C-alpha atoms as a PDB file:
ATOM      1  CA  UNK A   1      -0.023   0.051   0.612  1.00  0.00           C
ATOM      2  CA  UNK A   2       1.472   3.237  -0.771  1.00  0.00           C
ATOM      3  CA  UNK A   3       0.885   6.380   0.914  1.00  0.00           C
ATOM      4  CA  UNK A   4       0.700   9.522  -1.217  1.00  0.00           C
ATOM      5  CA  UNK A   5       2.947  12.610  -0.164  1.00  0.00           C
ATOM      6  CA  UNK A   6       0.953  15.384   1.172  1.00  0.00           C
ATOM      7  CA  UNK A   7      -0.001  18.404  -0.398  1.00  0.00           C
ATOM      8  CA  UNK A   8       0.806  21.013   2.329  1.00  0.00           C
ATOM      9  CA  UNK A   9       3.220  21.489   4.519  1.00  0.00           C
ATOM     10  CA  UNK A  10       2.439  20.622   8.117  1.00  0.00           C
ATOM     11  CA  UNK A  11       2.109  23.452   9.553  1.00  0.00           C
ATOM     12  CA  UNK A  12       2.325  21.944  13.206  1.00  0.00           C
ATOM     13  CA  UNK A  13       4.912  20.101  15.094  1.00  0.00           C
ATOM     14  CA  UNK A  14       3.353  16.821  16.217  1.00  0.00           C
ATOM     15  CA  UNK A  15       2.064  17.100  12.098  1.00  0.00           C
ATOM     16  CA  UNK A  16       5.761  17.579  10.458  1.00  0.00           C
ATOM     17  CA  UNK A  17       6.337  14.647  12.604  1.00  0.00           C
ATOM     18  CA  UNK A  18       3.548  13.000  10.777  1.00  0.00           C
ATOM     19  CA  UNK A  19       4.085  13.418   7.921  1.00  0.00           C
ATOM     20  CA  UNK A  20       8.640  12.722   8.368  1.00  0.00           C
ATOM     21  CA  UNK A  21       7.147   9.486  10.383  1.00  0.00           C
ATOM     22  CA  UNK A  22       4.570   8.227   7.244  1.00  0.00           C
ATOM     23  CA  UNK A  23       7.688   8.429   4.467  1.00  0.00           C
ATOM     24  CA  UNK A  24       8.597   5.134   3.028  1.00  0.00           C
ATOM     25  CA  UNK A  25      10.686   3.048   5.459  1.00  0.00           C
ATOM     26  CA  UNK A  26      14.433   2.482   4.626  1.00  0.00           C
ATOM     27  CA  UNK A  27      16.789  -0.658   3.385  1.00  0.00           C
ATOM     28  CA  UNK A  28      16.926  -3.386   5.887  1.00  0.00           C
ATOM     29  CA  UNK A  29      20.630  -1.773   6.102  1.00  0.00           C
ATOM     30  CA  UNK A  30      19.822   1.591   7.271  1.00  0.00           C
ATOM     31  CA  UNK A  31      17.558   0.122   9.942  1.00  0.00           C
ATOM     32  CA  UNK A  32      20.409   0.375  12.221  1.00  0.00           C
ATOM     33  CA  UNK A  33      21.511   3.683  11.469  1.00  0.00           C
ATOM     34  CA  UNK A  34      20.875   6.822  13.283  1.00  0.00           C
ATOM     35  CA  UNK A  35      17.309   9.109  12.265  1.00  0.00           C
ATOM     36  CA  UNK A  36      17.959  11.749   9.966  1.00  0.00           C
ATOM     37  CA  UNK A  37      18.797  14.655  11.711  1.00  0.00           C
ATOM     38  CA  UNK A  38      14.991  16.185  11.074  1.00  0.00           C
ATOM     39  CA  UNK A  39      13.126  13.240  12.718  1.00  0.00           C
ATOM     40  CA  UNK A  40      14.852  13.803  15.313  1.00  0.00           C
ATOM     41  CA  UNK A  41      14.593  17.621  15.578  1.00  0.00           C
ATOM     42  CA  UNK A  42      10.108  16.657  14.389  1.00  0.00           C
ATOM     43  CA  UNK A  43      10.344  14.926  17.330  1.00  0.00           C
ATOM     44  CA  UNK A  44      11.615  16.859  19.894  1.00  0.00           C
ATOM     45  CA  UNK A  45       9.388  19.542  18.309  1.00  0.00           C
ATOM     46  CA  UNK A  46       6.491  17.705  18.349  1.00  0.00           C
ATOM     47  CA  UNK A  47       7.874  16.611  22.084  1.00  0.00           C
ATOM     48  CA  UNK A  48       8.088  19.947  23.598  1.00  0.00           C
ATOM     49  CA  UNK A  49       4.498  21.380  21.760  1.00  0.00           C
ATOM     50  CA  UNK A  50       2.934  18.771  23.945  1.00  0.00           C
ATOM     51  CA  UNK A  51       4.845  20.282  26.982  1.00  0.00           C
ATOM     52  CA  UNK A  52       4.135  23.576  26.700  1.00  0.00           C
ATOM     53  CA  UNK A  53       0.998  24.660  28.417  1.00  0.00           C
ATOM     54  CA  UNK A  54      -1.893  26.543  25.828  1.00  0.00           C
ATOM     55  CA  UNK A  55      -2.105  29.948  26.183  1.00  0.00           C
ATOM     56  CA  UNK A  56      -4.903  32.036  27.864  1.00  0.00           C
ATOM     57  CA  UNK A  57      -7.400  33.730  25.950  1.00  0.00           C
ATOM     58  CA  UNK A  58      -6.268  37.136  25.850  1.00  0.00           C
ATOM     59  CA  UNK A  59      -8.801  39.981  26.797  1.00  0.00           C
ATOM     60  CA  UNK A  60      -9.973  42.618  24.776  1.00  0.00           C
ATOM     61  CA  UNK A  61     -10.237  45.724  27.145  1.00  0.00           C
END
């Protein structure tokens, strides 16, 4: 089963991570190699975004 490439650029850290993880798997010889830097950066960005509390709603005065 082939996955279609995302048509738009992912905007949230979690969406970027899932877009990277949806790419085809690497060859068996490469499975022990560390992930590419963009996967690690996307994972850290998604993790940090999930830890960051949402901003309080702004009050118009």
